[in-house]
Amino acid sequence: MSEKSAEKLIYGFHPVLARLRQDPSGVLEIYLDLTRRDARARDLVHQAKDNGVKLAQVEADRLTRLVGKAARHQGVVARVKPVALTQSLDE
């Protein structure tokens, strides 16, 4: 499996911030709407910088192209490593 196929996208402030706080090494890059300047956006930028996560400020239409028109991205999309849903007792 290639490295790119092992990645997925998550979107919305709550999912992205939760993943950033729980597993910062699993967050590869965050895309933030460049017009967002509110407290949640500032908190996200701060958390990303503190954890060494690459942050790109982009146009909102790029976010929509990444996740589709039906998705409510709230101005934030993250490229992440998938979470293992099961773990062996031997690990």
C-alpha atoms as a PDB file:
ATOM      1  CA  MET A   1       0.000   0.000   0.000  1.00  0.00           C
ATOM      2  CA  SER A   2       1.410   3.411  -0.926  1.00  0.00           C
ATOM      3  CA  GLU A   3       1.898   6.121   1.661  1.00  0.00           C
ATOM      4  CA  LYS A   4      -0.720   8.358  -0.026  1.00  0.00           C
ATOM      5  CA  SER A   5      -3.374   5.622   0.041  1.00  0.00           C
ATOM      6  CA  ALA A   6      -2.743   5.199   3.759  1.00  0.00           C
ATOM      7  CA  GLU A   7      -3.914   8.786   4.343  1.00  0.00           C
ATOM      8  CA  LYS A   8      -7.427  10.123   4.762  1.00  0.00           C
ATOM      9  CA  LEU A   9      -9.129  13.480   5.134  1.00  0.00           C
ATOM     10  CA  ILE A  10     -11.104  14.671   8.136  1.00  0.00           C
ATOM     11  CA  TYR A  11     -12.907  17.995   8.308  1.00  0.00           C
ATOM     12  CA  GLY A  12     -14.656  20.346  10.705  1.00  0.00           C
ATOM     13  CA  PHE A  13     -13.199  22.066  13.751  1.00  0.00           C
ATOM     14  CA  HIS A  14     -14.190  19.484  16.373  1.00  0.00           C
ATOM     15  CA  PRO A  15     -12.793  16.414  14.572  1.00  0.00           C
ATOM     16  CA  VAL A  16      -9.596  18.174  13.502  1.00  0.00           C
ATOM     17  CA  LEU A  17      -8.882  19.726  16.922  1.00  0.00           C
ATOM     18  CA  ALA A  18      -9.696  16.453  18.705  1.00  0.00           C
ATOM     19  CA  ARG A  19      -7.300  14.506  16.491  1.00  0.00           C
ATOM     20  CA  LEU A  20      -4.636  17.190  16.892  1.00  0.00           C
ATOM     21  CA  ARG A  21      -4.907  17.014  20.688  1.00  0.00           C
ATOM     22  CA  GLN A  22      -5.128  13.209  20.955  1.00  0.00           C
ATOM     23  CA  ASP A  23      -2.689  12.138  18.239  1.00  0.00           C
ATOM     24  CA  PRO A  24      -0.682  15.065  16.830  1.00  0.00           C
ATOM     25  CA  SER A  25       1.791  12.727  15.104  1.00  0.00           C
ATOM     26  CA  GLY A  26      -1.131  11.328  13.109  1.00  0.00           C
ATOM     27  CA  VAL A  27      -1.965  14.737  11.632  1.00  0.00           C
ATOM     28  CA  LEU A  28       0.098  15.237   8.493  1.00  0.00           C
ATOM     29  CA  GLU A  29      -1.174  18.625   7.317  1.00  0.00           C
ATOM     30  CA  ILE A  30      -4.022  21.032   8.031  1.00  0.00           C
ATOM     31  CA  TYR A  31      -5.725  23.209   5.429  1.00  0.00           C
ATOM     32  CA  LEU A  32      -7.437  26.288   6.886  1.00  0.00           C
ATOM     33  CA  ASP A  33      -9.682  28.768   5.075  1.00  0.00           C
ATOM     34  CA  LEU A  34      -7.577  31.914   4.819  1.00  0.00           C
ATOM     35  CA  THR A  35     -10.577  34.105   5.721  1.00  0.00           C
ATOM     36  CA  ARG A  36     -11.072  32.420   9.126  1.00  0.00           C
ATOM     37  CA  ARG A  37      -9.766  34.723  11.863  1.00  0.00           C
ATOM     38  CA  ASP A  38     -12.019  33.736  14.770  1.00  0.00           C
ATOM     39  CA  ALA A  39     -11.036  32.191  18.110  1.00  0.00           C
ATOM     40  CA  ARG A  40     -11.423  28.594  16.891  1.00  0.00           C
ATOM     41  CA  ALA A  41      -9.155  29.270  13.920  1.00  0.00           C
ATOM     42  CA  ARG A  42      -6.561  30.942  16.153  1.00  0.00           C
ATOM     43  CA  ASP A  43      -6.683  27.994  18.566  1.00  0.00           C
ATOM     44  CA  LEU A  44      -6.190  25.583  15.670  1.00  0.00           C
ATOM     45  CA  VAL A  45      -3.201  27.558  14.354  1.00  0.00           C
ATOM     46  CA  HIS A  46      -1.679  27.619  17.862  1.00  0.00           C
ATOM     47  CA  GLN A  47      -2.199  23.863  18.380  1.00  0.00           C
ATOM     48  CA  ALA A  48      -0.719  23.079  14.954  1.00  0.00           C
ATOM     49  CA  LYS A  49       2.371  25.202  15.596  1.00  0.00           C
ATOM     50  CA  ASP A  50       2.869  23.737  19.084  1.00  0.00           C
ATOM     51  CA  ASN A  51       2.767  20.223  17.625  1.00  0.00           C
ATOM     52  CA  GLY A  52       4.880  20.928  14.544  1.00  0.00           C
ATOM     53  CA  VAL A  53       2.033  20.192  12.133  1.00  0.00           C
ATOM     54  CA  LYS A  54       2.216  21.826   8.717  1.00  0.00           C
ATOM     55  CA  LEU A  55      -0.582  24.368   8.216  1.00  0.00           C
ATOM     56  CA  ALA A  56      -1.630  25.783   4.849  1.00  0.00           C
ATOM     57  CA  GLN A  57      -4.039  28.689   4.567  1.00  0.00           C
ATOM     58  CA  VAL A  58      -6.057  28.199   1.386  1.00  0.00           C
ATOM     59  CA  GLU A  59      -9.144  29.471  -0.437  1.00  0.00           C
ATOM     60  CA  ALA A  60     -12.452  27.978   0.749  1.00  0.00           C
ATOM     61  CA  ASP A  61     -13.138  26.517  -2.704  1.00  0.00           C
ATOM     62  CA  ARG A  62      -9.988  24.385  -2.417  1.00  0.00           C
ATOM     63  CA  LEU A  63     -11.360  22.883   0.807  1.00  0.00           C
ATOM     64  CA  THR A  64     -14.649  22.148  -0.951  1.00  0.00           C
ATOM     65  CA  ARG A  65     -12.800  20.449  -3.813  1.00  0.00           C
ATOM     66  CA  LEU A  66     -10.928  18.282  -1.291  1.00  0.00           C
ATOM     67  CA  VAL A  67     -13.991  16.977   0.568  1.00  0.00           C
ATOM     68  CA  GLY A  68     -16.899  17.601  -1.803  1.00  0.00           C
ATOM     69  CA  LYS A  69     -19.771  20.066  -1.893  1.00  0.00           C
ATOM     70  CA  ALA A  70     -21.977  18.051   0.464  1.00  0.00           C
ATOM     71  CA  ALA A  71     -19.380  18.112   3.267  1.00  0.00           C
ATOM     72  CA  ARG A  72     -19.600  20.897   5.856  1.00  0.00           C
ATOM     73  CA  HIS A  73     -15.898  21.516   6.377  1.00  0.00           C
ATOM     74  CA  GLN A  74     -16.339  24.746   8.415  1.00  0.00           C
ATOM     75  CA  GLY A  75     -13.146  26.075   6.849  1.00  0.00           C
ATOM     76  CA  VAL A  76     -10.796  23.320   8.017  1.00  0.00           C
ATOM     77  CA  VAL A  77      -9.623  20.021   6.515  1.00  0.00           C
ATOM     78  CA  ALA A  78      -6.790  17.808   7.769  1.00  0.00           C
ATOM     79  CA  ARG A  79      -4.806  15.101   6.029  1.00  0.00           C
ATOM     80  CA  VAL A  80      -4.261  12.355   8.611  1.00  0.00           C
ATOM     81  CA  LYS A  81      -2.955   8.831   9.056  1.00  0.00           C
ATOM     82  CA  PRO A  82      -5.774   6.314   9.572  1.00  0.00           C
ATOM     83  CA  VAL A  83      -6.461   5.230  13.142  1.00  0.00           C
ATOM     84  CA  ALA A  84      -6.056   1.527  13.881  1.00  0.00           C
ATOM     85  CA  LEU A  85      -9.443   0.296  15.050  1.00  0.00           C
ATOM     86  CA  THR A  86      -8.185  -2.916  16.599  1.00  0.00           C
ATOM     87  CA  GLN A  87      -5.062  -3.802  18.477  1.00  0.00           C
ATOM     88  CA  SER A  88      -3.690  -7.208  19.344  1.00  0.00           C
ATOM     89  CA  LEU A  89      -3.094  -8.064  22.989  1.00  0.00           C
ATOM     90  CA  ASP A  90       0.390  -9.156  21.917  1.00  0.00           C
ATOM     91  CA  GLU A  91       1.303  -5.610  20.838  1.00  0.00           C
END
